[in-house]
Amino acid sequence: MVSESYLPRLTTLDSRLSQQFDPARDGFGFRNPVGLVPKRTGGGEFLRRFDAFVYGKGLCFGMAAAALLNFQGASSPRPSLANLPPTPDLFAVLWDYQLRQFYPRTVLASVWDWAASGGGRPERVLGRLRPVGTSPDPHVLCFGPAPNRRFPYCLARAHAVVPYRVEEGRVHVYDPNHPRDRERFVKFQRGGAEFAYDGFQSREGWGITLVPVSACDQQRRIVGERSRLGRLTMKR
């Protein structure tokens, strides 16, 4: 049973680190829902614009963070996220995880990594990247702006994926836009000085920011409280 209060402590390695993340099992089985926003009553124009900004372009960060936290916190056998149907209850959970990218702790971690990497420079990614399954505090890999004139464009179109394996200049990822796809990877070239992934290329002004999943984990302090995501996996 998944519980946020049982997520692994950052000072402890356990047998879960040797288990391979599988996008077809540990990722969600449906595509990142673009344009799906909460239906709220009240709040006026401000709340409608806020929801459109946070959720309207998809829930990639929320899906990536939720998949990572579920993988890190689950016991064996691990519940499969891929078989969860896209229900209103599940979307309510993912909206919560999507919003976490704007929490102060997450924003601070993102800005710190962006600055430490020289503005998302690709040559500073591979040496610092912590794929899921190799560390108790793995990264969400975010495609975002580098310090150039395309900064606003890239910031507005940022995308998040889950890195789970590195081999021969390739970082294999779970991409919420491509459910169950085991063939997705970010390709690094020229000794890691350039990268390319779908429409995200360093030559076109994109950078990479690594967000530790611990920054997204707003752990509840009530003893024995189960996460909503955990309850959904147990309903099946």
C-alpha atoms as a PDB file:
ATOM      1  CA  MET A   1       0.000   0.000   0.000  1.00  0.00           C
ATOM      2  CA  VAL A   2       1.413   3.363  -1.039  1.00  0.00           C
ATOM      3  CA  SER A   3       1.695   5.981   1.671  1.00  0.00           C
ATOM      4  CA  GLU A   4       3.468   9.305   1.469  1.00  0.00           C
ATOM      5  CA  SER A   5       4.429   8.923   5.122  1.00  0.00           C
ATOM      6  CA  TYR A   6       6.337   5.754   4.188  1.00  0.00           C
ATOM      7  CA  LEU A   7       8.447   7.260   1.397  1.00  0.00           C
ATOM      8  CA  PRO A   8      12.099   6.246   1.750  1.00  0.00           C
ATOM      9  CA  ARG A   9      14.298   8.499   3.851  1.00  0.00           C
ATOM     10  CA  LEU A  10      16.991  10.245   1.907  1.00  0.00           C
ATOM     11  CA  THR A  11      19.797   8.785   4.007  1.00  0.00           C
ATOM     12  CA  THR A  12      18.778   5.154   3.520  1.00  0.00           C
ATOM     13  CA  LEU A  13      19.302   2.887   0.515  1.00  0.00           C
ATOM     14  CA  ASP A  14      17.155  -0.241   0.315  1.00  0.00           C
ATOM     15  CA  SER A  15      16.353  -3.031  -2.097  1.00  0.00           C
ATOM     16  CA  ARG A  16      13.969  -0.822  -4.069  1.00  0.00           C
ATOM     17  CA  LEU A  17      16.931   0.941  -5.665  1.00  0.00           C
ATOM     18  CA  SER A  18      17.871  -2.220  -7.538  1.00  0.00           C
ATOM     19  CA  GLN A  19      14.418  -2.621  -9.105  1.00  0.00           C
ATOM     20  CA  GLN A  20      14.005  -1.280 -12.616  1.00  0.00           C
ATOM     21  CA  PHE A  21      11.423   1.392 -13.343  1.00  0.00           C
ATOM     22  CA  ASP A  22       9.213   0.297 -16.246  1.00  0.00           C
ATOM     23  CA  PRO A  23       7.207   2.987 -18.112  1.00  0.00           C
ATOM     24  CA  ALA A  24       4.669   0.354 -19.151  1.00  0.00           C
ATOM     25  CA  ARG A  25       4.014  -0.543 -15.502  1.00  0.00           C
ATOM     26  CA  ASP A  26       5.161   2.338 -13.311  1.00  0.00           C
ATOM     27  CA  GLY A  27       3.941   5.158 -15.535  1.00  0.00           C
ATOM     28  CA  PHE A  28       0.315   6.053 -16.168  1.00  0.00           C
ATOM     29  CA  GLY A  29      -1.456   4.191 -18.941  1.00  0.00           C
ATOM     30  CA  PHE A  30      -3.160   7.216 -20.466  1.00  0.00           C
ATOM     31  CA  ARG A  31      -1.807  10.227 -22.291  1.00  0.00           C
ATOM     32  CA  ASN A  32      -1.103  13.530 -20.554  1.00  0.00           C
ATOM     33  CA  PRO A  33      -4.500  15.284 -20.633  1.00  0.00           C
ATOM     34  CA  VAL A  34      -4.114  18.717 -22.243  1.00  0.00           C
ATOM     35  CA  GLY A  35      -6.863  21.224 -21.525  1.00  0.00           C
ATOM     36  CA  LEU A  36      -8.301  19.364 -18.533  1.00  0.00           C
ATOM     37  CA  VAL A  37      -8.787  21.841 -15.674  1.00  0.00           C
ATOM     38  CA  PRO A  38     -10.701  21.576 -12.379  1.00  0.00           C
ATOM     39  CA  LYS A  39     -14.348  22.552 -12.524  1.00  0.00           C
ATOM     40  CA  ARG A  40     -14.720  24.953  -9.633  1.00  0.00           C
ATOM     41  CA  THR A  41     -17.567  27.108  -8.449  1.00  0.00           C
ATOM     42  CA  GLY A  42     -16.722  30.681  -7.548  1.00  0.00           C
ATOM     43  CA  GLY A  43     -13.351  32.317  -7.759  1.00  0.00           C
ATOM     44  CA  GLY A  44     -14.196  34.436 -10.763  1.00  0.00           C
ATOM     45  CA  GLU A  45     -11.937  35.277 -13.671  1.00  0.00           C
ATOM     46  CA  PHE A  46      -8.743  35.138 -11.619  1.00  0.00           C
ATOM     47  CA  LEU A  47      -9.251  31.499 -10.623  1.00  0.00           C
ATOM     48  CA  ARG A  48     -10.186  30.502 -14.169  1.00  0.00           C
ATOM     49  CA  ARG A  49      -6.998  32.067 -15.524  1.00  0.00           C
ATOM     50  CA  PHE A  50      -4.931  30.496 -12.756  1.00  0.00           C
ATOM     51  CA  ASP A  51      -6.301  27.024 -13.505  1.00  0.00           C
ATOM     52  CA  ALA A  52      -5.714  27.482 -17.227  1.00  0.00           C
ATOM     53  CA  PHE A  53      -2.101  28.489 -16.543  1.00  0.00           C
ATOM     54  CA  VAL A  54      -1.333  25.633 -14.127  1.00  0.00           C
ATOM     55  CA  TYR A  55      -3.317  22.784 -15.698  1.00  0.00           C
ATOM     56  CA  GLY A  56      -4.428  23.837 -19.172  1.00  0.00           C
ATOM     57  CA  LYS A  57      -1.279  22.738 -21.013  1.00  0.00           C
ATOM     58  CA  GLY A  58      -1.220  19.325 -19.425  1.00  0.00           C
ATOM     59  CA  LEU A  59      -0.258  17.554 -16.216  1.00  0.00           C
ATOM     60  CA  CYS A  60       3.194  16.287 -17.213  1.00  0.00           C
ATOM     61  CA  PHE A  61       4.953  17.484 -14.067  1.00  0.00           C
ATOM     62  CA  GLY A  62       2.223  16.100 -11.815  1.00  0.00           C
ATOM     63  CA  MET A  63       2.242  12.744 -13.586  1.00  0.00           C
ATOM     64  CA  ALA A  64       6.038  12.521 -13.476  1.00  0.00           C
ATOM     65  CA  ALA A  65       6.245  13.452  -9.790  1.00  0.00           C
ATOM     66  CA  ALA A  66       3.401  11.099  -8.851  1.00  0.00           C
ATOM     67  CA  ALA A  67       5.004   8.197 -10.732  1.00  0.00           C
ATOM     68  CA  LEU A  68       8.355   8.831  -9.017  1.00  0.00           C
ATOM     69  CA  LEU A  69       6.898   9.117  -5.532  1.00  0.00           C
ATOM     70  CA  ASN A  70       4.775   6.011  -6.048  1.00  0.00           C
ATOM     71  CA  PHE A  71       7.812   4.030  -7.231  1.00  0.00           C
ATOM     72  CA  GLN A  72       9.988   5.258  -4.365  1.00  0.00           C
ATOM     73  CA  GLY A  73       7.382   4.618  -1.693  1.00  0.00           C
ATOM     74  CA  ALA A  74       5.825   1.367  -2.809  1.00  0.00           C
ATOM     75  CA  SER A  75       6.595  -1.979  -1.225  1.00  0.00           C
ATOM     76  CA  SER A  76       6.897  -5.200  -3.182  1.00  0.00           C
ATOM     77  CA  PRO A  77       4.867  -6.183  -5.142  1.00  0.00           C
ATOM     78  CA  ARG A  78       4.521  -2.628  -6.444  1.00  0.00           C
ATOM     79  CA  PRO A  79       1.030  -1.498  -7.526  1.00  0.00           C
ATOM     80  CA  SER A  80       0.840  -0.688 -11.228  1.00  0.00           C
ATOM     81  CA  LEU A  81      -0.124   2.856 -12.185  1.00  0.00           C
ATOM     82  CA  ALA A  82      -0.525   1.856 -15.825  1.00  0.00           C
ATOM     83  CA  ASN A  83      -3.774   0.058 -15.113  1.00  0.00           C
ATOM     84  CA  LEU A  84      -5.441   2.927 -13.287  1.00  0.00           C
ATOM     85  CA  PRO A  85      -8.385   4.313 -15.300  1.00  0.00           C
ATOM     86  CA  PRO A  86      -8.452   8.090 -15.856  1.00  0.00           C
ATOM     87  CA  THR A  87     -11.218   8.852 -13.373  1.00  0.00           C
ATOM     88  CA  PRO A  88     -12.173  12.173 -11.761  1.00  0.00           C
ATOM     89  CA  ASP A  89     -10.658  10.957  -8.482  1.00  0.00           C
ATOM     90  CA  LEU A  90      -7.314  10.273 -10.155  1.00  0.00           C
ATOM     91  CA  PHE A  91      -7.307  13.619 -11.947  1.00  0.00           C
ATOM     92  CA  ALA A  92      -7.935  15.341  -8.607  1.00  0.00           C
ATOM     93  CA  VAL A  93      -4.769  13.668  -7.295  1.00  0.00           C
ATOM     94  CA  LEU A  94      -2.763  14.652 -10.388  1.00  0.00           C
ATOM     95  CA  TRP A  95      -3.946  18.266 -10.183  1.00  0.00           C
ATOM     96  CA  ASP A  96      -2.532  18.328  -6.659  1.00  0.00           C
ATOM     97  CA  TYR A  97       0.829  16.963  -7.824  1.00  0.00           C
ATOM     98  CA  GLN A  98       0.882  19.360 -10.775  1.00  0.00           C
ATOM     99  CA  LEU A  99       0.416  22.318  -8.443  1.00  0.00           C
ATOM    100  CA  ARG A 100       3.428  21.245  -6.363  1.00  0.00           C
ATOM    101  CA  GLN A 101       5.829  22.600  -8.979  1.00  0.00           C
ATOM    102  CA  PHE A 102       4.811  26.071  -7.800  1.00  0.00           C
ATOM    103  CA  TYR A 103       5.339  25.389  -4.100  1.00  0.00           C
ATOM    104  CA  PRO A 104       8.226  27.431  -2.618  1.00  0.00           C
ATOM    105  CA  ARG A 105      10.349  24.359  -1.909  1.00  0.00           C
ATOM    106  CA  THR A 106      10.035  23.092  -5.480  1.00  0.00           C
ATOM    107  CA  VAL A 107      10.595  26.511  -7.026  1.00  0.00           C
ATOM    108  CA  LEU A 108      13.709  27.016  -4.912  1.00  0.00           C
ATOM    109  CA  ALA A 109      15.115  23.618  -5.903  1.00  0.00           C
ATOM    110  CA  SER A 110      14.413  24.314  -9.583  1.00  0.00           C
ATOM    111  CA  VAL A 111      16.008  27.750  -9.559  1.00  0.00           C
ATOM    112  CA  TRP A 112      19.011  26.440  -7.628  1.00  0.00           C
ATOM    113  CA  ASP A 113      19.613  23.629 -10.116  1.00  0.00           C
ATOM    114  CA  TRP A 114      19.101  25.913 -13.117  1.00  0.00           C
ATOM    115  CA  ALA A 115      21.688  28.347 -11.754  1.00  0.00           C
ATOM    116  CA  ALA A 116      24.115  25.581 -10.736  1.00  0.00           C
ATOM    117  CA  SER A 117      23.953  24.122 -14.250  1.00  0.00           C
ATOM    118  CA  GLY A 118      24.770  27.445 -15.864  1.00  0.00           C
ATOM    119  CA  GLY A 119      21.209  27.955 -17.053  1.00  0.00           C
ATOM    120  CA  GLY A 120      20.283  24.374 -17.941  1.00  0.00           C
ATOM    121  CA  ARG A 121      23.435  23.648 -19.945  1.00  0.00           C
ATOM    122  CA  PRO A 122      23.327  20.016 -21.194  1.00  0.00           C
ATOM    123  CA  GLU A 123      26.996  19.285 -20.493  1.00  0.00           C
ATOM    124  CA  ARG A 124      26.224  19.647 -16.787  1.00  0.00           C
ATOM    125  CA  VAL A 125      23.367  17.128 -16.794  1.00  0.00           C
ATOM    126  CA  LEU A 126      24.768  13.610 -17.142  1.00  0.00           C
ATOM    127  CA  GLY A 127      27.274  13.930 -14.313  1.00  0.00           C
ATOM    128  CA  ARG A 128      24.589  15.037 -11.856  1.00  0.00           C
ATOM    129  CA  LEU A 129      21.526  13.140 -13.057  1.00  0.00           C
ATOM    130  CA  ARG A 130      19.956  10.690 -10.590  1.00  0.00           C
ATOM    131  CA  PRO A 131      17.645   8.320 -12.521  1.00  0.00           C
ATOM    132  CA  VAL A 132      14.867   6.589 -10.623  1.00  0.00           C
ATOM    133  CA  GLY A 133      16.093   3.286  -9.227  1.00  0.00           C
ATOM    134  CA  THR A 134      19.645   4.545  -8.635  1.00  0.00           C
ATOM    135  CA  SER A 135      19.072   6.968  -5.761  1.00  0.00           C
ATOM    136  CA  PRO A 136      16.649   7.500  -2.866  1.00  0.00           C
ATOM    137  CA  ASP A 137      16.123  11.033  -4.218  1.00  0.00           C
ATOM    138  CA  PRO A 138      15.850  10.750  -8.018  1.00  0.00           C
ATOM    139  CA  HIS A 139      15.205  13.622 -10.407  1.00  0.00           C
ATOM    140  CA  VAL A 140      12.311  14.810 -12.486  1.00  0.00           C
ATOM    141  CA  LEU A 141      13.931  15.929 -15.748  1.00  0.00           C
ATOM    142  CA  CYS A 142      12.420  19.171 -17.000  1.00  0.00           C
ATOM    143  CA  PHE A 143      12.916  20.671 -20.445  1.00  0.00           C
ATOM    144  CA  GLY A 144      12.858  24.433 -20.010  1.00  0.00           C
ATOM    145  CA  PRO A 145      14.594  27.632 -20.988  1.00  0.00           C
ATOM    146  CA  ALA A 146      18.272  28.348 -21.350  1.00  0.00           C
ATOM    147  CA  PRO A 147      19.460  31.954 -20.921  1.00  0.00           C
ATOM    148  CA  ASN A 148      18.719  33.275 -24.410  1.00  0.00           C
ATOM    149  CA  ARG A 149      16.081  35.277 -26.265  1.00  0.00           C
ATOM    150  CA  ARG A 150      13.741  32.259 -26.421  1.00  0.00           C
ATOM    151  CA  PHE A 151      13.500  32.147 -22.618  1.00  0.00           C
ATOM    152  CA  PRO A 152       9.775  33.141 -22.412  1.00  0.00           C
ATOM    153  CA  TYR A 153       8.823  30.774 -25.237  1.00  0.00           C
ATOM    154  CA  CYS A 154      10.571  27.780 -23.663  1.00  0.00           C
ATOM    155  CA  LEU A 155       9.369  28.587 -20.148  1.00  0.00           C
ATOM    156  CA  ALA A 156       5.742  28.602 -21.308  1.00  0.00           C
ATOM    157  CA  ARG A 157       6.197  25.240 -23.055  1.00  0.00           C
ATOM    158  CA  ALA A 158       8.252  23.400 -20.449  1.00  0.00           C
ATOM    159  CA  HIS A 159       7.848  19.633 -20.200  1.00  0.00           C
ATOM    160  CA  ALA A 160       8.655  17.028 -17.538  1.00  0.00           C
ATOM    161  CA  VAL A 161       9.695  13.376 -17.849  1.00  0.00           C
ATOM    162  CA  VAL A 162      11.054  10.623 -15.590  1.00  0.00           C
ATOM    163  CA  PRO A 163      14.649   9.481 -16.337  1.00  0.00           C
ATOM    164  CA  TYR A 164      15.185   5.844 -15.425  1.00  0.00           C
ATOM    165  CA  ARG A 165      18.237   4.585 -17.327  1.00  0.00           C
ATOM    166  CA  VAL A 166      21.437   6.040 -18.810  1.00  0.00           C
ATOM    167  CA  GLU A 167      23.439   4.251 -21.466  1.00  0.00           C
ATOM    168  CA  GLU A 168      25.774   5.333 -24.268  1.00  0.00           C
ATOM    169  CA  GLY A 169      24.774   8.985 -24.379  1.00  0.00           C
ATOM    170  CA  ARG A 170      21.079   8.223 -24.031  1.00  0.00           C
ATOM    171  CA  VAL A 171      18.809   8.947 -21.084  1.00  0.00           C
ATOM    172  CA  HIS A 172      15.765   6.694 -21.259  1.00  0.00           C
ATOM    173  CA  VAL A 173      12.622   8.368 -19.936  1.00  0.00           C
ATOM    174  CA  TYR A 174       8.986   7.820 -19.102  1.00  0.00           C
ATOM    175  CA  ASP A 175       7.104  10.563 -20.929  1.00  0.00           C
ATOM    176  CA  PRO A 176       3.493  11.258 -19.859  1.00  0.00           C
ATOM    177  CA  ASN A 177       2.793  12.240 -23.472  1.00  0.00           C
ATOM    178  CA  HIS A 178       3.671   8.710 -24.589  1.00  0.00           C
ATOM    179  CA  PRO A 179       2.113   6.160 -22.196  1.00  0.00           C
ATOM    180  CA  ARG A 180       3.619   2.664 -21.935  1.00  0.00           C
ATOM    181  CA  ASP A 181       6.395   3.583 -24.387  1.00  0.00           C
ATOM    182  CA  ARG A 182       9.724   1.979 -23.454  1.00  0.00           C
ATOM    183  CA  GLU A 183      11.574   3.461 -26.443  1.00  0.00           C
ATOM    184  CA  ARG A 184      11.731   7.124 -25.411  1.00  0.00           C
ATOM    185  CA  PHE A 185      15.158   8.619 -24.755  1.00  0.00           C
ATOM    186  CA  VAL A 186      16.993  11.940 -24.671  1.00  0.00           C
ATOM    187  CA  LYS A 187      20.053  11.823 -26.924  1.00  0.00           C
ATOM    188  CA  PHE A 188      23.191  13.647 -25.836  1.00  0.00           C
ATOM    189  CA  GLN A 189      25.810  14.492 -28.473  1.00  0.00           C
ATOM    190  CA  ARG A 190      29.203  16.154 -28.735  1.00  0.00           C
ATOM    191  CA  GLY A 191      30.332  14.811 -25.381  1.00  0.00           C
ATOM    192  CA  GLY A 192      27.099  15.855 -23.726  1.00  0.00           C
ATOM    193  CA  ALA A 193      27.278  19.454 -24.950  1.00  0.00           C
ATOM    194  CA  GLU A 194      24.037  19.098 -26.945  1.00  0.00           C
ATOM    195  CA  PHE A 195      20.798  17.201 -26.494  1.00  0.00           C
ATOM    196  CA  ALA A 196      17.732  16.437 -28.568  1.00  0.00           C
ATOM    197  CA  TYR A 197      14.351  14.966 -27.643  1.00  0.00           C
ATOM    198  CA  ASP A 198      11.298  15.396 -29.868  1.00  0.00           C
ATOM    199  CA  GLY A 199      10.838  19.162 -30.216  1.00  0.00           C
ATOM    200  CA  PHE A 200      13.256  19.962 -27.397  1.00  0.00           C
ATOM    201  CA  GLN A 201      16.768  20.663 -28.646  1.00  0.00           C
ATOM    202  CA  SER A 202      19.608  22.594 -27.076  1.00  0.00           C
ATOM    203  CA  ARG A 203      20.393  24.096 -30.491  1.00  0.00           C
ATOM    204  CA  GLU A 204      16.983  25.764 -30.423  1.00  0.00           C
ATOM    205  CA  GLY A 205      17.386  27.387 -27.034  1.00  0.00           C
ATOM    206  CA  TRP A 206      16.208  24.624 -24.716  1.00  0.00           C
ATOM    207  CA  GLY A 207      17.895  23.675 -21.457  1.00  0.00           C
ATOM    208  CA  ILE A 208      17.420  20.969 -18.834  1.00  0.00           C
ATOM    209  CA  THR A 209      16.634  21.425 -15.159  1.00  0.00           C
ATOM    210  CA  LEU A 210      16.822  18.532 -12.687  1.00  0.00           C
ATOM    211  CA  VAL A 211      14.270  18.709  -9.872  1.00  0.00           C
ATOM    212  CA  PRO A 212      14.822  16.284  -6.952  1.00  0.00           C
ATOM    213  CA  VAL A 213      11.620  14.436  -6.155  1.00  0.00           C
ATOM    214  CA  SER A 214      12.118  15.245  -2.462  1.00  0.00           C
ATOM    215  CA  ALA A 215      11.283  18.866  -3.328  1.00  0.00           C
ATOM    216  CA  CYS A 216       7.866  17.705  -4.565  1.00  0.00           C
ATOM    217  CA  ASP A 217       7.124  15.559  -1.531  1.00  0.00           C
ATOM    218  CA  GLN A 218       4.968  17.605   0.805  1.00  0.00           C
ATOM    219  CA  GLN A 219       4.724  14.794   3.353  1.00  0.00           C
ATOM    220  CA  ARG A 220       1.696  14.651   5.621  1.00  0.00           C
ATOM    221  CA  ARG A 221       2.541  14.433   9.307  1.00  0.00           C
ATOM    222  CA  ILE A 222      -0.520  12.467  10.470  1.00  0.00           C
ATOM    223  CA  VAL A 223       0.569   8.959  11.471  1.00  0.00           C
ATOM    224  CA  GLY A 224      -1.059   6.266   9.350  1.00  0.00           C
ATOM    225  CA  GLU A 225      -2.620   8.637   6.818  1.00  0.00           C
ATOM    226  CA  ARG A 226      -2.765   7.069   3.359  1.00  0.00           C
ATOM    227  CA  SER A 227      -2.203   9.063   0.192  1.00  0.00           C
ATOM    228  CA  ARG A 228      -5.092   9.360  -2.235  1.00  0.00           C
ATOM    229  CA  LEU A 229      -2.947   7.837  -4.970  1.00  0.00           C
ATOM    230  CA  GLY A 230      -2.273   4.848  -2.753  1.00  0.00           C
ATOM    231  CA  ARG A 231      -5.966   4.347  -2.094  1.00  0.00           C
ATOM    232  CA  LEU A 232      -6.715   4.443  -5.809  1.00  0.00           C
ATOM    233  CA  THR A 233      -4.176   1.701  -6.566  1.00  0.00           C
ATOM    234  CA  MET A 234      -5.663  -0.447  -3.794  1.00  0.00           C
ATOM    235  CA  LYS A 235      -9.247  -0.073  -5.095  1.00  0.00           C
ATOM    236  CA  ARG A 236      -8.522  -2.149  -8.154  1.00  0.00           C
END
